[in-house]
Amino acid sequence: MLGPHNSKRRLCETLMPLEKFANIWLNERQISKIYNLEIGTLRRHRYSRPKRGFPYHVIGRKPGTNLGGYVRYNKYEIEKYLEQNSIKP
C-alpha cells in the first residue's frame, strides 16, 4: 500500500524530467533529428499564420525588424508543448 509520501515522490519523479531540460537550447537541425521532422516543416510552422508547431525564439534580431537573428528552440518548452497537445486515450 502506498502512503502519502510515496505518492508525492511519484509526482516529483514525473515532474523532474522536464525540469532538467530548462536550459537546453537547440537549433532547427538538432530539433529535426531528435523529433524526426524535416527542417522545411519547422520553417513552415514558424512562418504560418496563425503560428503552429513548436515554440521558438529568435535571438539577436534587431528590434522592429523581421530580418536576421538565430532561431533556437528550448527543449523544456517543446516537451511541455508535446505534453499539453498530446491526445490522451
N, C-alpha and C. Protein backbone atom coordinates (compact mmCIF):
# COMPACT_ATOMS: atom_id res chain seq x y z
N MET A 1 0.84 -1.18 0.00
CA MET A 1 0.00 0.00 0.00
C MET A 1 0.89 1.24 0.00
N LEU A 2 0.50 2.23 -0.77
CA LEU A 2 1.28 3.45 -0.86
C LEU A 2 0.80 4.47 0.16
N GLY A 3 1.74 5.05 0.85
CA GLY A 3 1.42 6.12 1.79
C GLY A 3 1.49 7.46 1.09
N PRO A 4 1.17 8.55 1.80
CA PRO A 4 1.19 9.87 1.19
C PRO A 4 2.59 10.28 0.72
N HIS A 5 3.63 9.80 1.38
CA HIS A 5 4.98 10.17 0.99
C HIS A 5 5.37 9.53 -0.33
N ASN A 6 4.92 8.32 -0.55
CA ASN A 6 5.22 7.64 -1.81
C ASN A 6 4.53 8.31 -2.99
N SER A 7 3.30 8.76 -2.81
CA SER A 7 2.60 9.42 -3.90
C SER A 7 3.26 10.75 -4.24
N LYS A 8 3.75 11.47 -3.25
CA LYS A 8 4.47 12.72 -3.51
C LYS A 8 5.75 12.44 -4.27
N ARG A 9 6.45 11.37 -3.89
CA ARG A 9 7.68 11.02 -4.56
C ARG A 9 7.41 10.71 -6.02
N ARG A 10 6.34 9.97 -6.29
CA ARG A 10 5.99 9.65 -7.68
C ARG A 10 5.67 10.91 -8.48
N LEU A 11 4.96 11.83 -7.87
CA LEU A 11 4.64 13.08 -8.54
C LEU A 11 5.92 13.83 -8.87
N CYS A 12 6.84 13.91 -7.95
CA CYS A 12 8.12 14.58 -8.19
C CYS A 12 8.91 13.89 -9.29
N GLU A 13 8.89 12.57 -9.31
CA GLU A 13 9.62 11.84 -10.33
C GLU A 13 9.05 12.09 -11.71
N THR A 14 7.74 12.30 -11.81
CA THR A 14 7.15 12.57 -13.12
C THR A 14 7.41 14.00 -13.56
N LEU A 15 7.59 14.92 -12.63
CA LEU A 15 7.84 16.30 -12.98
C LEU A 15 9.32 16.59 -13.23
N MET A 16 10.19 15.86 -12.59
CA MET A 16 11.62 16.13 -12.68
C MET A 16 12.19 16.06 -14.09
N PRO A 17 11.82 15.09 -14.92
CA PRO A 17 12.46 15.02 -16.22
C PRO A 17 12.33 16.30 -17.05
N LEU A 18 11.21 16.99 -17.00
CA LEU A 18 11.06 18.22 -17.77
C LEU A 18 11.97 19.33 -17.24
N GLU A 19 12.14 19.39 -15.94
CA GLU A 19 12.95 20.45 -15.37
C GLU A 19 14.41 20.38 -15.81
N LYS A 20 14.90 19.19 -16.08
CA LYS A 20 16.30 19.08 -16.48
C LYS A 20 16.56 19.63 -17.88
N PHE A 21 15.51 19.88 -18.66
CA PHE A 21 15.65 20.45 -19.99
C PHE A 21 15.54 21.97 -20.02
N ALA A 22 15.40 22.61 -18.87
CA ALA A 22 15.09 24.04 -18.82
C ALA A 22 16.10 24.92 -19.54
N ASN A 23 17.37 24.60 -19.51
CA ASN A 23 18.39 25.46 -20.12
C ASN A 23 19.03 24.85 -21.35
N ILE A 24 18.33 23.96 -22.02
CA ILE A 24 18.88 23.35 -23.24
C ILE A 24 18.26 24.05 -24.45
N TRP A 25 19.09 24.70 -25.23
CA TRP A 25 18.66 25.41 -26.43
C TRP A 25 19.21 24.69 -27.65
N LEU A 26 18.35 24.44 -28.63
CA LEU A 26 18.73 23.67 -29.81
C LEU A 26 18.39 24.43 -31.08
N ASN A 27 19.16 24.19 -32.15
CA ASN A 27 18.84 24.81 -33.43
C ASN A 27 17.89 23.90 -34.22
N GLU A 28 17.48 24.35 -35.38
CA GLU A 28 16.46 23.60 -36.12
C GLU A 28 17.00 22.26 -36.62
N ARG A 29 18.28 22.18 -36.91
CA ARG A 29 18.85 20.91 -37.37
C ARG A 29 18.80 19.86 -36.25
N GLN A 30 19.14 20.28 -35.05
CA GLN A 30 19.09 19.36 -33.91
C GLN A 30 17.66 18.91 -33.61
N ILE A 31 16.73 19.86 -33.68
CA ILE A 31 15.31 19.53 -33.44
C ILE A 31 14.80 18.55 -34.50
N SER A 32 15.19 18.77 -35.75
CA SER A 32 14.72 17.89 -36.82
C SER A 32 15.22 16.46 -36.61
N LYS A 33 16.43 16.30 -36.10
CA LYS A 33 16.97 14.95 -35.85
C LYS A 33 16.29 14.30 -34.64
N ILE A 34 16.11 15.05 -33.57
CA ILE A 34 15.53 14.50 -32.35
C ILE A 34 14.09 14.07 -32.56
N TYR A 35 13.29 14.92 -33.23
CA TYR A 35 11.86 14.66 -33.36
C TYR A 35 11.47 14.13 -34.74
N ASN A 36 12.47 13.81 -35.57
CA ASN A 36 12.23 13.23 -36.88
C ASN A 36 11.29 14.09 -37.73
N LEU A 37 11.58 15.37 -37.80
CA LEU A 37 10.82 16.31 -38.61
C LEU A 37 11.76 16.95 -39.64
N GLU A 38 11.25 17.23 -40.81
CA GLU A 38 12.05 17.93 -41.81
C GLU A 38 12.27 19.37 -41.37
N ILE A 39 13.42 19.93 -41.74
CA ILE A 39 13.71 21.33 -41.43
C ILE A 39 12.68 22.23 -42.10
N GLY A 40 12.27 21.87 -43.30
CA GLY A 40 11.25 22.64 -44.01
C GLY A 40 9.92 22.69 -43.26
N THR A 41 9.58 21.61 -42.59
CA THR A 41 8.35 21.59 -41.79
C THR A 41 8.45 22.55 -40.63
N LEU A 42 9.59 22.56 -39.95
CA LEU A 42 9.78 23.50 -38.85
C LEU A 42 9.68 24.94 -39.33
N ARG A 43 10.29 25.22 -40.47
CA ARG A 43 10.24 26.58 -41.03
C ARG A 43 8.82 26.96 -41.44
N ARG A 44 8.12 26.03 -42.06
CA ARG A 44 6.73 26.31 -42.48
C ARG A 44 5.85 26.60 -41.27
N HIS A 45 6.06 25.88 -40.19
CA HIS A 45 5.29 26.13 -38.97
C HIS A 45 5.61 27.50 -38.39
N ARG A 46 6.87 27.91 -38.45
CA ARG A 46 7.23 29.23 -37.91
C ARG A 46 6.63 30.36 -38.73
N TYR A 47 6.57 30.18 -40.06
CA TYR A 47 6.07 31.24 -40.94
C TYR A 47 4.56 31.27 -41.07
N SER A 48 3.88 30.22 -40.64
CA SER A 48 2.43 30.15 -40.82
C SER A 48 1.70 31.16 -39.93
N ARG A 49 0.55 31.55 -40.38
CA ARG A 49 -0.33 32.43 -39.61
C ARG A 49 -1.66 31.75 -39.48
N PRO A 50 -2.19 31.46 -38.34
CA PRO A 50 -1.58 31.65 -37.03
C PRO A 50 -0.43 30.68 -36.82
N LYS A 51 0.44 31.01 -35.90
CA LYS A 51 1.61 30.18 -35.61
C LYS A 51 1.17 28.79 -35.18
N ARG A 52 1.93 27.81 -35.57
CA ARG A 52 1.67 26.44 -35.13
C ARG A 52 3.01 25.75 -34.98
N GLY A 53 3.00 24.59 -34.40
CA GLY A 53 4.23 23.86 -34.20
C GLY A 53 4.93 24.24 -32.91
N PHE A 54 6.18 23.83 -32.82
CA PHE A 54 6.95 24.02 -31.60
C PHE A 54 7.19 25.50 -31.29
N PRO A 55 7.19 25.86 -30.00
CA PRO A 55 7.55 27.23 -29.63
C PRO A 55 9.02 27.48 -29.91
N TYR A 56 9.35 28.69 -30.36
CA TYR A 56 10.73 29.03 -30.70
C TYR A 56 11.04 30.46 -30.30
N HIS A 57 12.32 30.81 -30.35
CA HIS A 57 12.78 32.16 -30.02
C HIS A 57 13.76 32.60 -31.09
N VAL A 58 13.74 33.88 -31.42
CA VAL A 58 14.73 34.44 -32.33
C VAL A 58 15.68 35.28 -31.49
N ILE A 59 16.95 34.93 -31.54
CA ILE A 59 17.95 35.58 -30.70
C ILE A 59 18.85 36.43 -31.59
N GLY A 60 19.08 37.66 -31.20
CA GLY A 60 19.99 38.53 -31.92
C GLY A 60 19.37 39.34 -33.03
N ARG A 61 18.04 39.42 -33.08
CA ARG A 61 17.36 40.19 -34.11
C ARG A 61 17.22 41.64 -33.66
N LYS A 62 17.44 42.57 -34.57
CA LYS A 62 17.26 43.98 -34.24
C LYS A 62 15.78 44.24 -33.99
N PRO A 63 15.48 45.04 -32.95
CA PRO A 63 14.06 45.34 -32.65
C PRO A 63 13.37 46.03 -33.83
N GLY A 64 12.15 45.63 -34.09
CA GLY A 64 11.35 46.25 -35.13
C GLY A 64 11.61 45.70 -36.53
N THR A 65 12.44 44.66 -36.66
CA THR A 65 12.69 44.08 -37.98
C THR A 65 12.33 42.60 -37.97
N ASN A 66 12.19 42.05 -39.15
CA ASN A 66 11.96 40.62 -39.29
C ASN A 66 13.15 39.94 -39.95
N LEU A 67 14.30 40.60 -39.94
CA LEU A 67 15.48 40.07 -40.59
C LEU A 67 16.56 39.73 -39.57
N GLY A 68 17.30 38.68 -39.86
CA GLY A 68 18.44 38.32 -39.03
C GLY A 68 18.05 37.59 -37.76
N GLY A 69 19.07 37.23 -37.01
CA GLY A 69 18.86 36.53 -35.76
C GLY A 69 18.99 35.03 -35.93
N TYR A 70 19.09 34.36 -34.81
CA TYR A 70 19.22 32.92 -34.77
C TYR A 70 17.98 32.32 -34.14
N VAL A 71 17.42 31.32 -34.81
CA VAL A 71 16.24 30.63 -34.28
C VAL A 71 16.72 29.53 -33.35
N ARG A 72 16.18 29.52 -32.14
CA ARG A 72 16.53 28.49 -31.16
C ARG A 72 15.25 27.97 -30.51
N TYR A 73 15.27 26.70 -30.22
CA TYR A 73 14.16 26.02 -29.57
C TYR A 73 14.60 25.61 -28.18
N ASN A 74 13.74 25.84 -27.20
CA ASN A 74 14.03 25.43 -25.83
C ASN A 74 13.46 24.04 -25.62
N LYS A 75 14.30 23.11 -25.22
CA LYS A 75 13.89 21.72 -25.05
C LYS A 75 12.75 21.58 -24.04
N TYR A 76 12.81 22.34 -22.96
CA TYR A 76 11.76 22.29 -21.93
C TYR A 76 10.43 22.73 -22.52
N GLU A 77 10.43 23.82 -23.28
CA GLU A 77 9.19 24.33 -23.86
C GLU A 77 8.59 23.34 -24.87
N ILE A 78 9.45 22.67 -25.62
CA ILE A 78 8.96 21.68 -26.58
C ILE A 78 8.34 20.49 -25.87
N GLU A 79 9.01 19.99 -24.85
CA GLU A 79 8.47 18.86 -24.11
C GLU A 79 7.14 19.21 -23.45
N LYS A 80 7.06 20.43 -22.93
CA LYS A 80 5.81 20.91 -22.32
C LYS A 80 4.71 21.02 -23.38
N TYR A 81 5.07 21.56 -24.55
CA TYR A 81 4.13 21.69 -25.67
C TYR A 81 3.59 20.32 -26.08
N LEU A 82 4.48 19.34 -26.20
CA LEU A 82 4.07 17.99 -26.60
C LEU A 82 3.17 17.36 -25.54
N GLU A 83 3.50 17.59 -24.30
CA GLU A 83 2.68 17.05 -23.20
C GLU A 83 1.27 17.65 -23.22
N GLN A 84 1.18 18.95 -23.45
CA GLN A 84 -0.12 19.63 -23.45
C GLN A 84 -0.95 19.34 -24.68
N ASN A 85 -0.29 19.04 -25.79
CA ASN A 85 -1.00 18.84 -27.06
C ASN A 85 -1.11 17.39 -27.50
N SER A 86 -0.74 16.47 -26.63
CA SER A 86 -0.88 15.07 -26.99
C SER A 86 -2.31 14.60 -26.72
N ILE A 87 -2.72 13.62 -27.49
CA ILE A 87 -4.07 13.08 -27.35
C ILE A 87 -3.99 11.95 -26.32
N LYS A 88 -4.79 12.08 -25.31
CA LYS A 88 -4.81 11.08 -24.25
C LYS A 88 -5.99 10.14 -24.45
N PRO A 89 -5.74 8.80 -24.38
CA PRO A 89 -6.83 7.85 -24.60
C PRO A 89 -7.84 7.85 -23.47
